[in-house]
Amino acid sequence: MTCPICQKPTDPAFRPFCSARCADIDLGRWFNEDYAIPAREEDPDETPDLPTSENPRKG
């Protein structure tokens, strides 16, 4: 397995990175929002109706 930052072999102590430096670089990229988890825009017409304040499970 290679480090995703510098492509060197990984070190078990810092896996999946090769060093603390590469781990810190990756963390900085998350903090700077260089990485993002894709999100899907929701269409308000497609969202299900939420239950009312009454509990539908109470009989």
PDB file of N, CA and C in Angstrom:
ATOM      1  N   MET A   1       0.853  -1.170   0.000  1.00  0.00           N
ATOM      2  CA  MET A   1       0.000   0.000   0.000  1.00  0.00           C
ATOM      3  C   MET A   1       0.902   1.237   0.000  1.00  0.00           C
ATOM      4  N   THR A   2       0.502   2.238  -0.771  1.00  0.00           N
ATOM      5  CA  THR A   2       1.291   3.470  -0.834  1.00  0.00           C
ATOM      6  C   THR A   2       0.535   4.623  -0.194  1.00  0.00           C
ATOM      7  N   CYS A   3       1.302   5.590   0.267  1.00  0.00           N
ATOM      8  CA  CYS A   3       0.753   6.791   0.894  1.00  0.00           C
ATOM      9  C   CYS A   3      -0.056   7.571  -0.151  1.00  0.00           C
ATOM     10  N   PRO A   4      -1.276   8.006   0.189  1.00  0.00           N
ATOM     11  CA  PRO A   4      -2.080   8.747  -0.789  1.00  0.00           C
ATOM     12  C   PRO A   4      -1.546  10.159  -1.060  1.00  0.00           C
ATOM     13  N   ILE A   5      -0.632  10.641  -0.227  1.00  0.00           N
ATOM     14  CA  ILE A   5      -0.089  11.987  -0.415  1.00  0.00           C
ATOM     15  C   ILE A   5       1.170  11.969  -1.281  1.00  0.00           C
ATOM     16  N   CYS A   6       2.149  11.108  -0.913  1.00  0.00           N
ATOM     17  CA  CYS A   6       3.444  11.140  -1.607  1.00  0.00           C
ATOM     18  C   CYS A   6       3.784   9.854  -2.354  1.00  0.00           C
ATOM     19  N   GLN A   7       2.937   8.843  -2.246  1.00  0.00           N
ATOM     20  CA  GLN A   7       3.102   7.563  -2.944  1.00  0.00           C
ATOM     21  C   GLN A   7       4.241   6.696  -2.405  1.00  0.00           C
ATOM     22  N   LYS A   8       4.841   7.036  -1.255  1.00  0.00           N
ATOM     23  CA  LYS A   8       5.859   6.181  -0.635  1.00  0.00           C
ATOM     24  C   LYS A   8       5.160   5.029   0.077  1.00  0.00           C
ATOM     25  N   PRO A   9       5.893   3.961   0.402  1.00  0.00           N
ATOM     26  CA  PRO A   9       5.284   2.858   1.171  1.00  0.00           C
ATOM     27  C   PRO A   9       4.784   3.356   2.528  1.00  0.00           C
ATOM     28  N   THR A  10       3.684   2.806   2.986  1.00  0.00           N
ATOM     29  CA  THR A  10       3.106   3.255   4.254  1.00  0.00           C
ATOM     30  C   THR A  10       3.880   2.711   5.442  1.00  0.00           C
ATOM     31  N   ASP A  11       3.720   3.407   6.564  1.00  0.00           N
ATOM     32  CA  ASP A  11       4.304   2.991   7.839  1.00  0.00           C
ATOM     33  C   ASP A  11       3.135   2.568   8.717  1.00  0.00           C
ATOM     34  N   PRO A  12       3.196   1.386   9.323  1.00  0.00           N
ATOM     35  CA  PRO A  12       2.072   0.929  10.154  1.00  0.00           C
ATOM     36  C   PRO A  12       1.669   1.926  11.242  1.00  0.00           C
ATOM     37  N   ALA A  13       2.604   2.702  11.739  1.00  0.00           N
ATOM     38  CA  ALA A  13       2.289   3.677  12.791  1.00  0.00           C
ATOM     39  C   ALA A  13       1.430   4.824  12.271  1.00  0.00           C
ATOM     40  N   PHE A  14       1.483   5.091  10.973  1.00  0.00           N
ATOM     41  CA  PHE A  14       0.755   6.232  10.400  1.00  0.00           C
ATOM     42  C   PHE A  14      -0.212   5.814   9.302  1.00  0.00           C
ATOM     43  N   ARG A  15      -0.477   4.537   9.183  1.00  0.00           N
ATOM     44  CA  ARG A  15      -1.294   4.009   8.105  1.00  0.00           C
ATOM     45  C   ARG A  15      -2.613   4.744   7.978  1.00  0.00           C
ATOM     46  N   PRO A  16      -3.048   5.138   6.839  1.00  0.00           N
ATOM     47  CA  PRO A  16      -2.596   4.771   5.499  1.00  0.00           C
ATOM     48  C   PRO A  16      -1.507   5.690   4.954  1.00  0.00           C
ATOM     49  N   PHE A  17      -0.878   6.471   5.823  1.00  0.00           N
ATOM     50  CA  PHE A  17       0.159   7.407   5.390  1.00  0.00           C
ATOM     51  C   PHE A  17       1.540   6.846   5.690  1.00  0.00           C
ATOM     52  N   CYS A  18       2.579   7.525   5.185  1.00  0.00           N
ATOM     53  CA  CYS A  18       3.947   7.072   5.426  1.00  0.00           C
ATOM     54  C   CYS A  18       4.568   7.780   6.619  1.00  0.00           C
ATOM     55  N   SER A  19       3.993   8.919   7.014  1.00  0.00           N
ATOM     56  CA  SER A  19       4.588   9.705   8.093  1.00  0.00           C
ATOM     57  C   SER A  19       3.540  10.627   8.706  1.00  0.00           C
ATOM     58  N   ALA A  20       3.906  11.215   9.844  1.00  0.00           N
ATOM     59  CA  ALA A  20       3.025  12.194  10.483  1.00  0.00           C
ATOM     60  C   ALA A  20       2.853  13.413   9.577  1.00  0.00           C
ATOM     61  N   ARG A  21       3.895  13.757   8.838  1.00  0.00           N
ATOM     62  CA  ARG A  21       3.825  14.906   7.932  1.00  0.00           C
ATOM     63  C   ARG A  21       2.725  14.714   6.890  1.00  0.00           C
ATOM     64  N   CYS A  22       2.694  13.556   6.251  1.00  0.00           N
ATOM     65  CA  CYS A  22       1.665  13.299   5.238  1.00  0.00           C
ATOM     66  C   CYS A  22       0.275  13.230   5.871  1.00  0.00           C
ATOM     67  N   ALA A  23       0.176  12.679   7.078  1.00  0.00           N
ATOM     68  CA  ALA A  23      -1.116  12.651   7.770  1.00  0.00           C
ATOM     69  C   ALA A  23      -1.588  14.071   8.056  1.00  0.00           C
ATOM     70  N   ASP A  24      -0.661  14.956   8.457  1.00  0.00           N
ATOM     71  CA  ASP A  24      -1.022  16.351   8.729  1.00  0.00           C
ATOM     72  C   ASP A  24      -1.414  17.088   7.456  1.00  0.00           C
ATOM     73  N   ILE A  25      -0.745  16.800   6.363  1.00  0.00           N
ATOM     74  CA  ILE A  25      -1.115  17.408   5.077  1.00  0.00           C
ATOM     75  C   ILE A  25      -2.543  17.019   4.715  1.00  0.00           C
ATOM     76  N   ASP A  26      -2.873  15.743   4.874  1.00  0.00           N
ATOM     77  CA  ASP A  26      -4.221  15.268   4.567  1.00  0.00           C
ATOM     78  C   ASP A  26      -5.252  15.937   5.473  1.00  0.00           C
ATOM     79  N   LEU A  27      -4.949  16.034   6.767  1.00  0.00           N
ATOM     80  CA  LEU A  27      -5.871  16.680   7.701  1.00  0.00           C
ATOM     81  C   LEU A  27      -6.079  18.145   7.324  1.00  0.00           C
ATOM     82  N   GLY A  28      -5.002  18.821   6.948  1.00  0.00           N
ATOM     83  CA  GLY A  28      -5.117  20.210   6.507  1.00  0.00           C
ATOM     84  C   GLY A  28      -5.999  20.357   5.280  1.00  0.00           C
ATOM     85  N   ARG A  29      -5.928  19.396   4.383  1.00  0.00           N
ATOM     86  CA  ARG A  29      -6.792  19.441   3.192  1.00  0.00           C
ATOM     87  C   ARG A  29      -8.262  19.307   3.576  1.00  0.00           C
ATOM     88  N   TRP A  30      -8.565  18.468   4.576  1.00  0.00           N
ATOM     89  CA  TRP A  30      -9.948  18.362   5.050  1.00  0.00           C
ATOM     90  C   TRP A  30     -10.382  19.678   5.689  1.00  0.00           C
ATOM     91  N   PHE A  31      -9.513  20.268   6.529  1.00  0.00           N
ATOM     92  CA  PHE A  31      -9.857  21.532   7.197  1.00  0.00           C
ATOM     93  C   PHE A  31     -10.062  22.662   6.199  1.00  0.00           C
ATOM     94  N   ASN A  32      -9.287  22.664   5.118  1.00  0.00           N
ATOM     95  CA  ASN A  32      -9.421  23.702   4.088  1.00  0.00           C
ATOM     96  C   ASN A  32     -10.543  23.406   3.104  1.00  0.00           C
ATOM     97  N   GLU A  33     -11.252  22.305   3.337  1.00  0.00           N
ATOM     98  CA  GLU A  33     -12.349  21.873   2.478  1.00  0.00           C
ATOM     99  C   GLU A  33     -11.890  21.585   1.054  1.00  0.00           C
ATOM    100  N   ASP A  34     -10.637  21.114   0.916  1.00  0.00           N
ATOM    101  CA  ASP A  34     -10.163  20.670  -0.393  1.00  0.00           C
ATOM    102  C   ASP A  34     -10.827  19.356  -0.782  1.00  0.00           C
ATOM    103  N   TYR A  35     -11.235  18.591   0.222  1.00  0.00           N
ATOM    104  CA  TYR A  35     -11.974  17.354   0.007  1.00  0.00           C
ATOM    105  C   TYR A  35     -13.434  17.625   0.350  1.00  0.00           C
ATOM    106  N   ALA A  36     -14.316  16.964  -0.327  1.00  0.00           N
ATOM    107  CA  ALA A  36     -15.738  17.106  -0.025  1.00  0.00           C
ATOM    108  C   ALA A  36     -16.445  15.792  -0.318  1.00  0.00           C
ATOM    109  N   ILE A  37     -17.425  15.502   0.476  1.00  0.00           N
ATOM    110  CA  ILE A  37     -18.264  14.339   0.246  1.00  0.00           C
ATOM    111  C   ILE A  37     -19.416  14.808  -0.625  1.00  0.00           C
ATOM    112  N   PRO A  38     -19.605  14.203  -1.793  1.00  0.00           N
ATOM    113  CA  PRO A  38     -20.653  14.678  -2.690  1.00  0.00           C
ATOM    114  C   PRO A  38     -22.040  14.547  -2.063  1.00  0.00           C
ATOM    115  N   ALA A  39     -22.831  15.550  -2.302  1.00  0.00           N
ATOM    116  CA  ALA A  39     -24.205  15.548  -1.801  1.00  0.00           C
ATOM    117  C   ALA A  39     -25.146  15.744  -2.978  1.00  0.00           C
ATOM    118  N   ARG A  40     -26.326  15.197  -2.837  1.00  0.00           N
ATOM    119  CA  ARG A  40     -27.329  15.312  -3.891  1.00  0.00           C
ATOM    120  C   ARG A  40     -28.323  16.385  -3.470  1.00  0.00           C
ATOM    121  N   GLU A  41     -28.607  17.300  -4.370  1.00  0.00           N
ATOM    122  CA  GLU A  41     -29.619  18.315  -4.104  1.00  0.00           C
ATOM    123  C   GLU A  41     -30.978  17.638  -4.018  1.00  0.00           C
ATOM    124  N   GLU A  42     -31.734  17.980  -2.999  1.00  0.00           N
ATOM    125  CA  GLU A  42     -33.056  17.373  -2.839  1.00  0.00           C
ATOM    126  C   GLU A  42     -34.122  18.262  -3.461  1.00  0.00           C
ATOM    127  N   ASP A  43     -35.020  17.629  -4.171  1.00  0.00           N
ATOM    128  CA  ASP A  43     -36.153  18.322  -4.755  1.00  0.00           C
ATOM    129  C   ASP A  43     -37.257  18.355  -3.701  1.00  0.00           C
ATOM    130  N   PRO A  44     -37.739  19.537  -3.313  1.00  0.00           N
ATOM    131  CA  PRO A  44     -38.772  19.608  -2.270  1.00  0.00           C
ATOM    132  C   PRO A  44     -40.030  18.816  -2.613  1.00  0.00           C
ATOM    133  N   ASP A  45     -40.305  18.636  -3.906  1.00  0.00           N
ATOM    134  CA  ASP A  45     -41.485  17.871  -4.306  1.00  0.00           C
ATOM    135  C   ASP A  45     -41.288  16.371  -4.077  1.00  0.00           C
ATOM    136  N   GLU A  46     -40.031  15.924  -3.979  1.00  0.00           N
ATOM    137  CA  GLU A  46     -39.753  14.503  -3.805  1.00  0.00           C
ATOM    138  C   GLU A  46     -39.523  14.106  -2.353  1.00  0.00           C
ATOM    139  N   THR A  47     -39.358  15.071  -1.462  1.00  0.00           N
ATOM    140  CA  THR A  47     -39.101  14.715  -0.065  1.00  0.00           C
ATOM    141  C   THR A  47     -40.385  14.226   0.584  1.00  0.00           C
ATOM    142  N   PRO A  48     -40.292  13.161   1.363  1.00  0.00           N
ATOM    143  CA  PRO A  48     -41.497  12.633   2.010  1.00  0.00           C
ATOM    144  C   PRO A  48     -42.003  13.596   3.082  1.00  0.00           C
ATOM    145  N   ASP A  49     -43.311  13.562   3.287  1.00  0.00           N
ATOM    146  CA  ASP A  49     -43.902  14.393   4.331  1.00  0.00           C
ATOM    147  C   ASP A  49     -43.461  13.870   5.690  1.00  0.00           C
ATOM    148  N   LEU A  50     -43.104  14.787   6.564  1.00  0.00           N
ATOM    149  CA  LEU A  50     -42.709  14.401   7.912  1.00  0.00           C
ATOM    150  C   LEU A  50     -43.951  14.187   8.754  1.00  0.00           C
ATOM    151  N   PRO A  51     -43.869  13.308   9.738  1.00  0.00           N
ATOM    152  CA  PRO A  51     -45.038  13.093  10.594  1.00  0.00           C
ATOM    153  C   PRO A  51     -45.387  14.367  11.359  1.00  0.00           C
ATOM    154  N   THR A  52     -46.652  14.491  11.683  1.00  0.00           N
ATOM    155  CA  THR A  52     -47.099  15.652  12.454  1.00  0.00           C
ATOM    156  C   THR A  52     -46.648  15.498  13.890  1.00  0.00           C
ATOM    157  N   SER A  53     -46.964  16.478  14.713  1.00  0.00           N
ATOM    158  CA  SER A  53     -46.531  16.439  16.108  1.00  0.00           C
ATOM    159  C   SER A  53     -47.202  15.307  16.886  1.00  0.00           C
ATOM    160  N   GLU A  54     -48.316  14.792  16.370  1.00  0.00           N
ATOM    161  CA  GLU A  54     -48.965  13.662  17.025  1.00  0.00           C
ATOM    162  C   GLU A  54     -48.171  12.401  16.732  1.00  0.00           C
ATOM    163  N   ASN A  55     -48.009  11.557  17.714  1.00  0.00           N
ATOM    164  CA  ASN A  55     -47.264  10.321  17.537  1.00  0.00           C
ATOM    165  C   ASN A  55     -48.169   9.294  16.866  1.00  0.00           C
ATOM    166  N   PRO A  56     -47.872   8.898  15.627  1.00  0.00           N
ATOM    167  CA  PRO A  56     -48.743   7.956  14.917  1.00  0.00           C
ATOM    168  C   PRO A  56     -48.723   6.558  15.538  1.00  0.00           C
ATOM    169  N   ARG A  57     -47.759   6.260  16.394  1.00  0.00           N
ATOM    170  CA  ARG A  57     -47.683   4.935  17.006  1.00  0.00           C
ATOM    171  C   ARG A  57     -48.578   4.820  18.233  1.00  0.00           C
ATOM    172  N   LYS A  58     -48.974   5.935  18.799  1.00  0.00           N
ATOM    173  CA  LYS A  58     -49.879   5.869  19.958  1.00  0.00           C
ATOM    174  C   LYS A  58     -51.270   5.519  19.465  1.00  0.00           C
ATOM    175  N   GLY A  59     -51.905   4.613  20.173  1.00  0.00           N
ATOM    176  CA  GLY A  59     -53.188   4.137  19.704  1.00  0.00           C
ATOM    177  C   GLY A  59     -54.290   4.809  20.368  1.00  0.00           C
TER     178      GLY A  59
END
